Amino acid sequence: MPAPTIVLLAAGSSSRMRGRDKLMEDVGGLPLIRLMAGRAVKAGAPVRVVLGPVQPLRRAALDVLAVEIVEAEDADGMAASIRAGVNGLSGPVLLALADMPEITANDLYLMVSLAAQSPKAILRAATKDGTPGHPVLFPADLLPDLARLTGDTGAKSILTREAARVHLLPLADDRAVVDLDTPEAWAAWRATRPA
């Protein structure tokens, strides 16, 4: 079985950030997109980052990392990013969102490692109390379904249809659901971080 590929979805327009790019926000001295791509690389799997067509700052932030960059059309929301991310792949894919700064390299490594033990399972990160979140690892047999997605709801339709195959993997705290889409969310998150 081919090893999983980590597909980091980073093509969004940050429309709720009121002029700021959430993936260029500073986290620990690095732009968030570089931090998250670096964590994906540390997980030891091939990494593919999906960008939008005109995102030169995000692209430049990835220059120093051993990642493949692919481009999504900007007309079809999350589905376009997922389609671009899985195009040409033949093994399992771990879909990770680039705006989730609490997901660690260890979390990604754990999910990639478990794919071999449960090759037909959909592995979905969850909070410590079992609330489903991200990332989500899809087995290879679902690549055609991912490649046909449309709209801006991601892979929800596949997760619903294949609910019996979904295995929740609790991660520490609530990090499987912490995504930062607004200046207020960033401010609240930073207020909880160590100085």
C-alpha atoms as a PDB file:
ATOM      1  CA  MET A   1       0.000   0.000   0.000  1.00  0.00           C
ATOM      2  CA  PRO A   2       1.384   3.437  -0.887  1.00  0.00           C
ATOM      3  CA  ALA A   3       2.238   5.666   2.057  1.00  0.00           C
ATOM      4  CA  PRO A   4      -0.246   8.412   2.903  1.00  0.00           C
ATOM      5  CA  THR A   5       0.281  11.900   1.529  1.00  0.00           C
ATOM      6  CA  ILE A   6      -0.425  14.862   3.777  1.00  0.00           C
ATOM      7  CA  VAL A   7      -2.466  17.379   1.803  1.00  0.00           C
ATOM      8  CA  LEU A   8      -2.387  20.778   3.506  1.00  0.00           C
ATOM      9  CA  LEU A   9      -5.355  22.847   2.363  1.00  0.00           C
ATOM     10  CA  ALA A  10      -4.181  26.472   2.196  1.00  0.00           C
ATOM     11  CA  ALA A  11      -6.010  28.055  -0.733  1.00  0.00           C
ATOM     12  CA  GLY A  12      -8.705  29.977   1.153  1.00  0.00           C
ATOM     13  CA  SER A  13      -9.024  33.717   0.687  1.00  0.00           C
ATOM     14  CA  SER A  14      -9.141  34.688   4.401  1.00  0.00           C
ATOM     15  CA  SER A  15     -12.288  36.660   3.585  1.00  0.00           C
ATOM     16  CA  ARG A  16     -13.358  36.873   7.246  1.00  0.00           C
ATOM     17  CA  MET A  17     -10.018  38.427   8.293  1.00  0.00           C
ATOM     18  CA  ARG A  18     -10.973  41.901   7.013  1.00  0.00           C
ATOM     19  CA  GLY A  19      -7.861  42.473   4.913  1.00  0.00           C
ATOM     20  CA  ARG A  20      -5.391  40.294   6.820  1.00  0.00           C
ATOM     21  CA  ASP A  21      -4.157  36.909   5.591  1.00  0.00           C
ATOM     22  CA  LYS A  22      -4.701  34.385   8.382  1.00  0.00           C
ATOM     23  CA  LEU A  23      -2.061  32.041   6.959  1.00  0.00           C
ATOM     24  CA  MET A  24       0.567  34.800   7.137  1.00  0.00           C
ATOM     25  CA  GLU A  25      -0.210  35.560  10.797  1.00  0.00           C
ATOM     26  CA  ASP A  26       2.844  35.185  13.046  1.00  0.00           C
ATOM     27  CA  VAL A  27       2.879  32.104  15.266  1.00  0.00           C
ATOM     28  CA  GLY A  28       6.075  31.610  17.233  1.00  0.00           C
ATOM     29  CA  GLY A  29       8.067  33.752  14.804  1.00  0.00           C
ATOM     30  CA  LEU A  30       6.852  32.063  11.617  1.00  0.00           C
ATOM     31  CA  PRO A  31       3.947  32.652   9.243  1.00  0.00           C
ATOM     32  CA  LEU A  32       1.241  30.111  10.101  1.00  0.00           C
ATOM     33  CA  ILE A  33       1.412  28.462   6.667  1.00  0.00           C
ATOM     34  CA  ARG A  34       5.143  27.823   7.025  1.00  0.00           C
ATOM     35  CA  LEU A  35       4.712  26.533  10.566  1.00  0.00           C
ATOM     36  CA  MET A  36       1.984  24.082   9.539  1.00  0.00           C
ATOM     37  CA  ALA A  37       3.788  22.907   6.402  1.00  0.00           C
ATOM     38  CA  GLY A  38       6.938  22.411   8.487  1.00  0.00           C
ATOM     39  CA  ARG A  39       5.018  20.286  10.968  1.00  0.00           C
ATOM     40  CA  ALA A  40       3.637  18.212   8.093  1.00  0.00           C
ATOM     41  CA  VAL A  41       7.164  17.647   6.768  1.00  0.00           C
ATOM     42  CA  LYS A  42       8.329  16.578  10.255  1.00  0.00           C
ATOM     43  CA  ALA A  43       5.574  13.941  10.293  1.00  0.00           C
ATOM     44  CA  GLY A  44       7.624  12.034   7.729  1.00  0.00           C
ATOM     45  CA  ALA A  45       5.106  11.674   4.893  1.00  0.00           C
ATOM     46  CA  PRO A  46       5.106  13.340   1.466  1.00  0.00           C
ATOM     47  CA  VAL A  47       3.498  16.783   1.738  1.00  0.00           C
ATOM     48  CA  ARG A  48       1.415  18.560  -0.881  1.00  0.00           C
ATOM     49  CA  VAL A  49       0.240  22.123  -0.172  1.00  0.00           C
ATOM     50  CA  VAL A  50      -2.786  23.460  -2.046  1.00  0.00           C
ATOM     51  CA  LEU A  51      -2.660  27.208  -2.751  1.00  0.00           C
ATOM     52  CA  GLY A  52      -4.941  29.530  -4.665  1.00  0.00           C
ATOM     53  CA  PRO A  53      -3.927  31.038  -8.006  1.00  0.00           C
ATOM     54  CA  VAL A  54      -2.652  34.403  -6.728  1.00  0.00           C
ATOM     55  CA  GLN A  55      -1.015  33.909  -3.338  1.00  0.00           C
ATOM     56  CA  PRO A  56       2.649  34.870  -3.814  1.00  0.00           C
ATOM     57  CA  LEU A  57       3.343  35.549  -0.123  1.00  0.00           C
ATOM     58  CA  ARG A  58       2.094  32.123   0.893  1.00  0.00           C
ATOM     59  CA  ARG A  59       4.118  30.513  -1.891  1.00  0.00           C
ATOM     60  CA  ALA A  60       7.249  32.420  -0.837  1.00  0.00           C
ATOM     61  CA  ALA A  61       6.755  31.330   2.798  1.00  0.00           C
ATOM     62  CA  LEU A  62       7.047  27.704   1.650  1.00  0.00           C
ATOM     63  CA  ASP A  63      10.252  28.160  -0.388  1.00  0.00           C
ATOM     64  CA  VAL A  64      12.533  26.599   2.215  1.00  0.00           C
ATOM     65  CA  LEU A  65      10.439  23.462   2.731  1.00  0.00           C
ATOM     66  CA  ALA A  66      10.431  20.158   0.832  1.00  0.00           C
ATOM     67  CA  VAL A  67       6.781  20.310  -0.177  1.00  0.00           C
ATOM     68  CA  GLU A  68       4.954  20.014  -3.469  1.00  0.00           C
ATOM     69  CA  ILE A  69       2.774  23.018  -4.238  1.00  0.00           C
ATOM     70  CA  VAL A  70      -0.351  22.599  -6.352  1.00  0.00           C
ATOM     71  CA  GLU A  71      -2.883  25.223  -7.314  1.00  0.00           C
ATOM     72  CA  ALA A  72      -6.659  25.118  -6.951  1.00  0.00           C
ATOM     73  CA  GLU A  73      -9.079  27.001  -9.150  1.00  0.00           C
ATOM     74  CA  ASP A  74     -10.706  29.656  -7.047  1.00  0.00           C
ATOM     75  CA  ALA A  75     -14.284  29.153  -8.264  1.00  0.00           C
ATOM     76  CA  ASP A  76     -15.439  26.140  -6.270  1.00  0.00           C
ATOM     77  CA  GLY A  77     -14.478  26.623  -2.637  1.00  0.00           C
ATOM     78  CA  MET A  78     -13.143  23.804  -0.494  1.00  0.00           C
ATOM     79  CA  ALA A  79     -13.985  21.146  -3.087  1.00  0.00           C
ATOM     80  CA  ALA A  80     -11.605  22.742  -5.597  1.00  0.00           C
ATOM     81  CA  SER A  81      -8.811  22.579  -3.029  1.00  0.00           C
ATOM     82  CA  ILE A  82      -9.498  18.939  -2.236  1.00  0.00           C
ATOM     83  CA  ARG A  83      -9.692  18.004  -5.929  1.00  0.00           C
ATOM     84  CA  ALA A  84      -6.357  19.722  -6.606  1.00  0.00           C
ATOM     85  CA  GLY A  85      -4.847  18.105  -3.528  1.00  0.00           C
ATOM     86  CA  VAL A  86      -5.731  14.516  -4.455  1.00  0.00           C
ATOM     87  CA  ASN A  87      -5.175  14.804  -8.207  1.00  0.00           C
ATOM     88  CA  GLY A  88      -2.770  12.100  -9.377  1.00  0.00           C
ATOM     89  CA  LEU A  89      -2.374  10.440  -5.969  1.00  0.00           C
ATOM     90  CA  SER A  90      -2.901   6.700  -5.509  1.00  0.00           C
ATOM     91  CA  GLY A  91      -2.574   6.152  -1.757  1.00  0.00           C
ATOM     92  CA  PRO A  92      -4.336   7.360   1.376  1.00  0.00           C
ATOM     93  CA  VAL A  93      -4.532  11.111   1.976  1.00  0.00           C
ATOM     94  CA  LEU A  94      -4.513  13.032   5.220  1.00  0.00           C
ATOM     95  CA  LEU A  95      -6.462  16.234   4.605  1.00  0.00           C
ATOM     96  CA  ALA A  96      -5.260  18.914   7.019  1.00  0.00           C
ATOM     97  CA  LEU A  97      -6.382  22.529   7.294  1.00  0.00           C
ATOM     98  CA  ALA A  98      -3.598  25.099   7.338  1.00  0.00           C
ATOM     99  CA  ASP A  99      -5.420  27.425   9.768  1.00  0.00           C
ATOM    100  CA  MET A 100      -5.285  25.029  12.755  1.00  0.00           C
ATOM    101  CA  PRO A 101      -2.159  26.082  14.679  1.00  0.00           C
ATOM    102  CA  GLU A 102      -2.590  23.614  17.534  1.00  0.00           C
ATOM    103  CA  ILE A 103      -2.247  20.510  15.342  1.00  0.00           C
ATOM    104  CA  THR A 104       1.275  19.201  15.941  1.00  0.00           C
ATOM    105  CA  ALA A 105       3.752  17.189  13.908  1.00  0.00           C
ATOM    106  CA  ASN A 106       3.143  14.337  16.376  1.00  0.00           C
ATOM    107  CA  ASP A 107      -0.610  14.445  15.687  1.00  0.00           C
ATOM    108  CA  LEU A 108       0.037  14.185  11.957  1.00  0.00           C
ATOM    109  CA  TYR A 109       2.633  11.447  12.432  1.00  0.00           C
ATOM    110  CA  LEU A 110       0.212   9.433  14.572  1.00  0.00           C
ATOM    111  CA  MET A 111      -2.549   9.627  11.976  1.00  0.00           C
ATOM    112  CA  VAL A 112      -0.237   8.738   9.090  1.00  0.00           C
ATOM    113  CA  SER A 113       1.173   5.809  11.083  1.00  0.00           C
ATOM    114  CA  LEU A 114      -2.258   4.411  11.928  1.00  0.00           C
ATOM    115  CA  ALA A 115      -3.286   4.310   8.258  1.00  0.00           C
ATOM    116  CA  ALA A 116      -1.344   1.087   7.699  1.00  0.00           C
ATOM    117  CA  GLN A 117      -3.066  -0.612  10.636  1.00  0.00           C
ATOM    118  CA  SER A 118      -6.578   0.317   9.438  1.00  0.00           C
ATOM    119  CA  PRO A 119      -6.336   0.572   5.642  1.00  0.00           C
ATOM    120  CA  LYS A 120     -10.122   0.791   5.086  1.00  0.00           C
ATOM    121  CA  ALA A 121     -10.908   3.154   7.960  1.00  0.00           C
ATOM    122  CA  ILE A 122     -11.449   6.891   7.752  1.00  0.00           C
ATOM    123  CA  LEU A 123      -9.422   8.285  10.647  1.00  0.00           C
ATOM    124  CA  ARG A 124     -10.817  11.550  11.961  1.00  0.00           C
ATOM    125  CA  ALA A 125      -9.174  13.651  14.635  1.00  0.00           C
ATOM    126  CA  ALA A 126     -11.419  14.579  17.523  1.00  0.00           C
ATOM    127  CA  THR A 127     -11.279  16.567  20.740  1.00  0.00           C
ATOM    128  CA  LYS A 128     -10.496  14.807  24.007  1.00  0.00           C
ATOM    129  CA  ASP A 129     -14.271  14.485  24.610  1.00  0.00           C
ATOM    130  CA  GLY A 130     -14.932  13.011  21.157  1.00  0.00           C
ATOM    131  CA  THR A 131     -16.135  15.997  19.113  1.00  0.00           C
ATOM    132  CA  PRO A 132     -15.121  15.307  15.477  1.00  0.00           C
ATOM    133  CA  GLY A 133     -12.647  17.721  13.935  1.00  0.00           C
ATOM    134  CA  HIS A 134      -9.606  17.791  11.650  1.00  0.00           C
ATOM    135  CA  PRO A 135      -7.382  16.450  10.136  1.00  0.00           C
ATOM    136  CA  VAL A 136      -9.098  13.511   8.404  1.00  0.00           C
ATOM    137  CA  LEU A 137      -7.325  10.578   6.777  1.00  0.00           C
ATOM    138  CA  PHE A 138      -9.129   8.997   3.825  1.00  0.00           C
ATOM    139  CA  PRO A 139      -8.187   5.561   2.511  1.00  0.00           C
ATOM    140  CA  ALA A 140      -7.101   5.175  -1.105  1.00  0.00           C
ATOM    141  CA  ASP A 141     -10.409   3.691  -2.267  1.00  0.00           C
ATOM    142  CA  LEU A 142     -12.123   7.033  -1.577  1.00  0.00           C
ATOM    143  CA  LEU A 143      -9.796   9.080  -3.815  1.00  0.00           C
ATOM    144  CA  PRO A 144     -12.275   8.974  -6.737  1.00  0.00           C
ATOM    145  CA  ASP A 145     -15.004  10.343  -4.462  1.00  0.00           C
ATOM    146  CA  LEU A 146     -12.729  13.132  -3.219  1.00  0.00           C
ATOM    147  CA  ALA A 147     -11.809  13.970  -6.822  1.00  0.00           C
ATOM    148  CA  ARG A 148     -15.501  14.474  -7.700  1.00  0.00           C
ATOM    149  CA  LEU A 149     -16.430  16.817  -4.846  1.00  0.00           C
ATOM    150  CA  THR A 150     -18.143  20.127  -5.630  1.00  0.00           C
ATOM    151  CA  GLY A 151     -19.105  23.146  -3.541  1.00  0.00           C
ATOM    152  CA  ASP A 152     -17.761  24.573  -0.304  1.00  0.00           C
ATOM    153  CA  THR A 153     -18.640  21.890   2.245  1.00  0.00           C
ATOM    154  CA  GLY A 154     -15.435  19.889   1.961  1.00  0.00           C
ATOM    155  CA  ALA A 155     -15.822  16.128   2.279  1.00  0.00           C
ATOM    156  CA  LYS A 156     -18.877  16.182   4.582  1.00  0.00           C
ATOM    157  CA  SER A 157     -20.947  14.174   2.110  1.00  0.00           C
ATOM    158  CA  ILE A 158     -18.359  11.374   2.079  1.00  0.00           C
ATOM    159  CA  LEU A 159     -18.033  11.391   5.865  1.00  0.00           C
ATOM    160  CA  THR A 160     -21.817  11.134   6.187  1.00  0.00           C
ATOM    161  CA  ARG A 161     -22.185   8.373   3.597  1.00  0.00           C
ATOM    162  CA  GLU A 162     -19.240   6.394   5.019  1.00  0.00           C
ATOM    163  CA  ALA A 163     -20.056   7.017   8.686  1.00  0.00           C
ATOM    164  CA  ALA A 164     -19.592   3.346   9.583  1.00  0.00           C
ATOM    165  CA  ARG A 165     -15.942   3.561   8.483  1.00  0.00           C
ATOM    166  CA  VAL A 166     -15.127   6.689  10.512  1.00  0.00           C
ATOM    167  CA  HIS A 167     -12.899   6.055  13.534  1.00  0.00           C
ATOM    168  CA  LEU A 168     -12.432   9.028  15.837  1.00  0.00           C
ATOM    169  CA  LEU A 169      -8.919   9.631  17.122  1.00  0.00           C
ATOM    170  CA  PRO A 170      -8.997  11.888  20.204  1.00  0.00           C
ATOM    171  CA  LEU A 171      -6.174  14.428  20.317  1.00  0.00           C
ATOM    172  CA  ALA A 172      -5.200  16.399  23.404  1.00  0.00           C
ATOM    173  CA  ASP A 173      -7.467  19.223  24.542  1.00  0.00           C
ATOM    174  CA  ASP A 174      -9.606  20.806  21.812  1.00  0.00           C
ATOM    175  CA  ARG A 175      -6.942  21.230  19.157  1.00  0.00           C
ATOM    176  CA  ALA A 176      -8.829  19.171  16.563  1.00  0.00           C
ATOM    177  CA  VAL A 177     -11.426  21.963  16.370  1.00  0.00           C
ATOM    178  CA  VAL A 178      -9.319  25.114  16.881  1.00  0.00           C
ATOM    179  CA  ASP A 179      -9.283  26.981  13.569  1.00  0.00           C
ATOM    180  CA  LEU A 180      -8.741  30.715  13.384  1.00  0.00           C
ATOM    181  CA  ASP A 181     -10.803  32.543  10.760  1.00  0.00           C
ATOM    182  CA  THR A 182     -11.360  36.041  12.192  1.00  0.00           C
ATOM    183  CA  PRO A 183      -9.262  38.716  13.915  1.00  0.00           C
ATOM    184  CA  GLU A 184     -11.361  38.113  17.046  1.00  0.00           C
ATOM    185  CA  ALA A 185     -10.593  34.378  16.997  1.00  0.00           C
ATOM    186  CA  TRP A 186      -6.889  35.155  16.625  1.00  0.00           C
ATOM    187  CA  ALA A 187      -6.987  37.647  19.507  1.00  0.00           C
ATOM    188  CA  ALA A 188      -8.829  35.217  21.782  1.00  0.00           C
ATOM    189  CA  TRP A 189      -6.441  32.375  20.908  1.00  0.00           C
ATOM    190  CA  ARG A 190      -3.353  34.530  21.480  1.00  0.00           C
ATOM    191  CA  ALA A 191      -4.744  35.595  24.863  1.00  0.00           C
ATOM    192  CA  THR A 192      -4.625  31.939  25.963  1.00  0.00           C
ATOM    193  CA  ARG A 193      -1.045  31.345  24.825  1.00  0.00           C
ATOM    194  CA  PRO A 194       1.982  31.493  27.111  1.00  0.00           C
ATOM    195  CA  ALA A 195       3.760  34.838  26.970  1.00  0.00           C
END
